[in-house]
């Protein structure tokens, strides 16, 4: 069961859903994020993440790290589906960290695909290749952002 892998407390600021198709990056983050004190649940595709985590457990994740250039379902499409699946009563939306080698304009376009579901302050960008210190800084900013409610 997913809860056994990522803990039992709801909305823990240290729980991360990682959706990354590059095995080197995914494996590296699977190793690094726990070293930084985070609990991480990795998936290779958006489809696997949506199928692998029951809707009632999706509010457990406070951070989403999503590659934009995923095979099949693109990262912003996955993120939109994930956010739309959260119950209306959810008070804390996750911080979304899009990671990609894309240009900034393309990253902003991806953010606009979910901007009606989450405030811009909760969307972060991490350009590949990246340093772990930059990832850690962006995750810390997301923890400090607190509660966000954005109606669709």
C-alpha atoms as a PDB file:
ATOM      1  CA  UNK A   1       0.000   0.000   0.000  1.00  0.00           C
ATOM      2  CA  UNK A   2       1.271   3.500  -0.806  1.00  0.00           C
ATOM      3  CA  UNK A   3       0.827   4.763   2.773  1.00  0.00           C
ATOM      4  CA  UNK A   4       3.289   2.159   4.007  1.00  0.00           C
ATOM      5  CA  UNK A   5       5.904   3.504   1.607  1.00  0.00           C
ATOM      6  CA  UNK A   6       5.489   7.200   2.319  1.00  0.00           C
ATOM      7  CA  UNK A   7       4.257   7.300   5.929  1.00  0.00           C
ATOM      8  CA  UNK A   8       0.896   7.744   7.581  1.00  0.00           C
ATOM      9  CA  UNK A   9       0.446  11.443   8.372  1.00  0.00           C
ATOM     10  CA  UNK A  10      -1.701  13.418   5.929  1.00  0.00           C
ATOM     11  CA  UNK A  11      -0.195  16.360   4.082  1.00  0.00           C
ATOM     12  CA  UNK A  12       3.317  15.867   5.467  1.00  0.00           C
ATOM     13  CA  UNK A  13       5.551  18.667   4.163  1.00  0.00           C
ATOM     14  CA  UNK A  14       8.277  16.090   3.534  1.00  0.00           C
ATOM     15  CA  UNK A  15       6.385  13.802   1.103  1.00  0.00           C
ATOM     16  CA  UNK A  16       7.316  14.063  -2.553  1.00  0.00           C
ATOM     17  CA  UNK A  17       5.810  12.483  -5.632  1.00  0.00           C
ATOM     18  CA  UNK A  18       8.503  12.192  -8.309  1.00  0.00           C
ATOM     19  CA  UNK A  19       7.515  11.641 -11.947  1.00  0.00           C
ATOM     20  CA  UNK A  20      10.667  11.374 -14.081  1.00  0.00           C
ATOM     21  CA  UNK A  21      11.343   9.090 -17.037  1.00  0.00           C
ATOM     22  CA  UNK A  22      15.140   9.437 -17.061  1.00  0.00           C
ATOM     23  CA  UNK A  23      16.355   6.527 -14.890  1.00  0.00           C
ATOM     24  CA  UNK A  24      19.612   8.272 -13.966  1.00  0.00           C
ATOM     25  CA  UNK A  25      17.819  11.365 -12.650  1.00  0.00           C
ATOM     26  CA  UNK A  26      15.025   9.353 -11.016  1.00  0.00           C
ATOM     27  CA  UNK A  27      17.471   7.000  -9.281  1.00  0.00           C
ATOM     28  CA  UNK A  28      19.662   9.896  -8.163  1.00  0.00           C
ATOM     29  CA  UNK A  29      16.692  11.730  -6.658  1.00  0.00           C
ATOM     30  CA  UNK A  30      15.473   8.509  -5.020  1.00  0.00           C
ATOM     31  CA  UNK A  31      18.811   8.447  -3.220  1.00  0.00           C
ATOM     32  CA  UNK A  32      19.324  12.181  -2.574  1.00  0.00           C
ATOM     33  CA  UNK A  33      15.851  13.233  -1.396  1.00  0.00           C
ATOM     34  CA  UNK A  34      15.756  10.832   1.595  1.00  0.00           C
ATOM     35  CA  UNK A  35      19.239  12.103   2.523  1.00  0.00           C
ATOM     36  CA  UNK A  36      17.676  15.592   2.663  1.00  0.00           C
ATOM     37  CA  UNK A  37      14.914  14.277   4.936  1.00  0.00           C
ATOM     38  CA  UNK A  38      12.183  13.766   2.344  1.00  0.00           C
ATOM     39  CA  UNK A  39      10.045  10.722   1.663  1.00  0.00           C
ATOM     40  CA  UNK A  40       9.856  10.107  -2.073  1.00  0.00           C
ATOM     41  CA  UNK A  41       7.642   7.904  -4.203  1.00  0.00           C
ATOM     42  CA  UNK A  42       8.999   7.665  -7.773  1.00  0.00           C
ATOM     43  CA  UNK A  43       7.211   6.889 -11.014  1.00  0.00           C
ATOM     44  CA  UNK A  44       8.479   6.742 -14.595  1.00  0.00           C
ATOM     45  CA  UNK A  45       5.309   8.103 -16.229  1.00  0.00           C
ATOM     46  CA  UNK A  46       2.304  10.198 -15.335  1.00  0.00           C
ATOM     47  CA  UNK A  47      -0.004   7.328 -16.166  1.00  0.00           C
ATOM     48  CA  UNK A  48       1.797   5.066 -13.678  1.00  0.00           C
ATOM     49  CA  UNK A  49       1.518   7.698 -10.937  1.00  0.00           C
ATOM     50  CA  UNK A  50      -2.200   8.278 -11.538  1.00  0.00           C
ATOM     51  CA  UNK A  51      -2.892   4.539 -11.569  1.00  0.00           C
ATOM     52  CA  UNK A  52      -0.541   3.747  -8.679  1.00  0.00           C
ATOM     53  CA  UNK A  53      -1.836   6.177  -6.080  1.00  0.00           C
ATOM     54  CA  UNK A  54      -5.483   6.038  -5.015  1.00  0.00           C
ATOM     55  CA  UNK A  55      -7.307   9.368  -5.100  1.00  0.00           C
ATOM     56  CA  UNK A  56      -7.855   9.327  -1.342  1.00  0.00           C
ATOM     57  CA  UNK A  57      -4.070   9.172  -0.764  1.00  0.00           C
ATOM     58  CA  UNK A  58      -3.117  11.994  -3.141  1.00  0.00           C
ATOM     59  CA  UNK A  59      -3.474  14.699  -0.502  1.00  0.00           C
ATOM     60  CA  UNK A  60      -0.547  13.086   1.357  1.00  0.00           C
ATOM     61  CA  UNK A  61       1.939  14.646  -1.067  1.00  0.00           C
ATOM     62  CA  UNK A  62       3.011  18.230  -0.464  1.00  0.00           C
ATOM     63  CA  UNK A  63       5.449  18.392  -3.375  1.00  0.00           C
ATOM     64  CA  UNK A  64       5.272  17.144  -6.949  1.00  0.00           C
ATOM     65  CA  UNK A  65       8.497  16.971  -8.931  1.00  0.00           C
ATOM     66  CA  UNK A  66       7.458  16.453 -12.531  1.00  0.00           C
ATOM     67  CA  UNK A  67       9.488  16.215 -15.718  1.00  0.00           C
ATOM     68  CA  UNK A  68       7.665  18.070 -18.480  1.00  0.00           C
ATOM     69  CA  UNK A  69       8.929  15.870 -21.312  1.00  0.00           C
ATOM     70  CA  UNK A  70       7.473  12.563 -20.162  1.00  0.00           C
ATOM     71  CA  UNK A  71       6.637   9.828 -22.683  1.00  0.00           C
ATOM     72  CA  UNK A  72       2.911   9.519 -23.296  1.00  0.00           C
ATOM     73  CA  UNK A  73       1.176  11.969 -20.975  1.00  0.00           C
ATOM     74  CA  UNK A  74       3.221  15.177 -20.791  1.00  0.00           C
ATOM     75  CA  UNK A  75       4.160  16.542 -17.383  1.00  0.00           C
ATOM     76  CA  UNK A  76       1.745  19.471 -17.370  1.00  0.00           C
ATOM     77  CA  UNK A  77      -1.135  17.193 -18.439  1.00  0.00           C
ATOM     78  CA  UNK A  78      -0.314  14.763 -15.625  1.00  0.00           C
ATOM     79  CA  UNK A  79      -0.133  17.639 -13.129  1.00  0.00           C
ATOM     80  CA  UNK A  80      -3.458  19.045 -14.255  1.00  0.00           C
ATOM     81  CA  UNK A  81      -5.121  15.610 -13.909  1.00  0.00           C
ATOM     82  CA  UNK A  82      -3.528  15.156 -10.464  1.00  0.00           C
ATOM     83  CA  UNK A  83      -4.686  18.561  -9.195  1.00  0.00           C
ATOM     84  CA  UNK A  84      -8.197  18.049 -10.584  1.00  0.00           C
ATOM     85  CA  UNK A  85      -8.427  14.721  -8.741  1.00  0.00           C
ATOM     86  CA  UNK A  86      -7.886  16.345  -5.339  1.00  0.00           C
ATOM     87  CA  UNK A  87     -11.045  16.793  -3.281  1.00  0.00           C
ATOM     88  CA  UNK A  88     -12.504  20.304  -3.221  1.00  0.00           C
ATOM     89  CA  UNK A  89     -12.093  20.349   0.551  1.00  0.00           C
ATOM     90  CA  UNK A  90      -8.305  20.083   0.290  1.00  0.00           C
ATOM     91  CA  UNK A  91      -6.859  23.205   1.864  1.00  0.00           C
ATOM     92  CA  UNK A  92      -3.201  22.701   1.063  1.00  0.00           C
ATOM     93  CA  UNK A  93      -2.269  22.312  -2.576  1.00  0.00           C
ATOM     94  CA  UNK A  94       1.091  20.745  -3.350  1.00  0.00           C
ATOM     95  CA  UNK A  95       4.016  22.727  -4.590  1.00  0.00           C
ATOM     96  CA  UNK A  96       4.672  21.785  -8.214  1.00  0.00           C
ATOM     97  CA  UNK A  97       8.289  21.691  -9.318  1.00  0.00           C
ATOM     98  CA  UNK A  98       8.535  21.303 -13.082  1.00  0.00           C
ATOM     99  CA  UNK A  99      11.958  20.105 -14.166  1.00  0.00           C
ATOM    100  CA  UNK A 100      13.059  20.147 -17.758  1.00  0.00           C
ATOM    101  CA  UNK A 101      15.733  21.144 -20.207  1.00  0.00           C
ATOM    102  CA  UNK A 102      13.154  23.273 -22.046  1.00  0.00           C
ATOM    103  CA  UNK A 103      13.493  27.006 -22.562  1.00  0.00           C
ATOM    104  CA  UNK A 104      11.854  29.368 -20.074  1.00  0.00           C
ATOM    105  CA  UNK A 105       9.006  30.290 -22.438  1.00  0.00           C
ATOM    106  CA  UNK A 106       8.053  26.632 -22.750  1.00  0.00           C
ATOM    107  CA  UNK A 107       8.173  26.249 -18.971  1.00  0.00           C
ATOM    108  CA  UNK A 108       5.849  29.237 -18.532  1.00  0.00           C
ATOM    109  CA  UNK A 109       3.458  27.769 -21.090  1.00  0.00           C
ATOM    110  CA  UNK A 110       3.363  24.537 -19.071  1.00  0.00           C
ATOM    111  CA  UNK A 111       2.627  26.520 -15.904  1.00  0.00           C
ATOM    112  CA  UNK A 112      -0.251  28.292 -17.617  1.00  0.00           C
ATOM    113  CA  UNK A 113      -1.866  24.874 -18.214  1.00  0.00           C
ATOM    114  CA  UNK A 114      -2.444  24.514 -14.448  1.00  0.00           C
ATOM    115  CA  UNK A 115      -2.682  28.155 -13.340  1.00  0.00           C
ATOM    116  CA  UNK A 116      -6.457  27.957 -12.865  1.00  0.00           C
ATOM    117  CA  UNK A 117      -5.962  25.167 -10.294  1.00  0.00           C
ATOM    118  CA  UNK A 118      -3.019  26.448  -8.275  1.00  0.00           C
ATOM    119  CA  UNK A 119      -1.481  29.827  -7.560  1.00  0.00           C
ATOM    120  CA  UNK A 120       1.636  30.839  -9.483  1.00  0.00           C
ATOM    121  CA  UNK A 121       3.580  31.024  -6.208  1.00  0.00           C
ATOM    122  CA  UNK A 122       3.220  27.255  -5.836  1.00  0.00           C
ATOM    123  CA  UNK A 123       4.743  26.518  -9.263  1.00  0.00           C
ATOM    124  CA  UNK A 124       8.525  26.334  -9.420  1.00  0.00           C
ATOM    125  CA  UNK A 125      10.940  25.580 -12.257  1.00  0.00           C
ATOM    126  CA  UNK A 126      14.145  23.585 -12.164  1.00  0.00           C
ATOM    127  CA  UNK A 127      16.141  23.567 -15.372  1.00  0.00           C
ATOM    128  CA  UNK A 128      18.130  20.430 -16.173  1.00  0.00           C
ATOM    129  CA  UNK A 129      20.912  19.845 -15.478  1.00  0.00           C
ATOM    130  CA  UNK A 130      20.497  21.141 -11.925  1.00  0.00           C
ATOM    131  CA  UNK A 131      22.402  21.167  -8.661  1.00  0.00           C
ATOM    132  CA  UNK A 132      20.990  19.473  -5.592  1.00  0.00           C
ATOM    133  CA  UNK A 133      21.332  22.740  -3.663  1.00  0.00           C
ATOM    134  CA  UNK A 134      18.940  24.443  -6.086  1.00  0.00           C
ATOM    135  CA  UNK A 135      16.435  21.610  -5.730  1.00  0.00           C
ATOM    136  CA  UNK A 136      16.683  21.813  -1.945  1.00  0.00           C
ATOM    137  CA  UNK A 137      16.169  25.597  -2.026  1.00  0.00           C
ATOM    138  CA  UNK A 138      13.033  25.308  -4.176  1.00  0.00           C
ATOM    139  CA  UNK A 139      11.581  22.586  -1.949  1.00  0.00           C
ATOM    140  CA  UNK A 140      12.202  24.744   1.123  1.00  0.00           C
ATOM    141  CA  UNK A 141      10.376  27.660  -0.534  1.00  0.00           C
ATOM    142  CA  UNK A 142       7.446  25.337  -1.229  1.00  0.00           C
ATOM    143  CA  UNK A 143       7.297  24.265   2.422  1.00  0.00           C
ATOM    144  CA  UNK A 144       7.177  27.895   3.543  1.00  0.00           C
ATOM    145  CA  UNK A 145       4.386  28.832   1.131  1.00  0.00           C
ATOM    146  CA  UNK A 146       1.787  27.167   3.358  1.00  0.00           C
ATOM    147  CA  UNK A 147      -1.878  26.893   2.488  1.00  0.00           C
ATOM    148  CA  UNK A 148      -3.239  27.696  -0.928  1.00  0.00           C
ATOM    149  CA  UNK A 149      -6.781  27.362  -2.161  1.00  0.00           C
ATOM    150  CA  UNK A 150      -7.501  28.108  -5.780  1.00  0.00           C
ATOM    151  CA  UNK A 151     -10.915  27.323  -7.155  1.00  0.00           C
ATOM    152  CA  UNK A 152     -11.179  26.007 -10.668  1.00  0.00           C
END
